[in-house]
């Protein structure tokens, strides 16, 4: 069992920044891919970013590439999402997730590939 708890969401003006954190407990997640997803009202959940166990591989949705940065601190069992140049269309509930599968040369980006999820944190970007 893995418990994931997100924090750092809030209300920010367009062009501003937020840093989300996702703390894992229950078992170490340092060997696995972790990802961030978001879901806006009336829309399906969408992939935002993923990071390999070492942090050496990262992958982003086109909509956030160049603005968001995913990182992790395995000593703290925590993954982060630095969000810069925020836009109103980034407004959503952001959730982190962990994929307990070992991969080589593959990056999971589909929600169904991830095994445990946090409750999410609301990010609201005003125009």
Foldseek 3Di string as FASTA:
>chain_A
DKAKAKDWADEEAAQAKIKMKIFIDDDQQLQWKKFKWWDDPPGDIFGAKIAGSVRPDIDGDPVQPPFWDWGDDRVRSMIMIIGGRDDQVVWTWMKMFTAPDDDDPDDDGDPVRTDDMYPTDTHGYHD
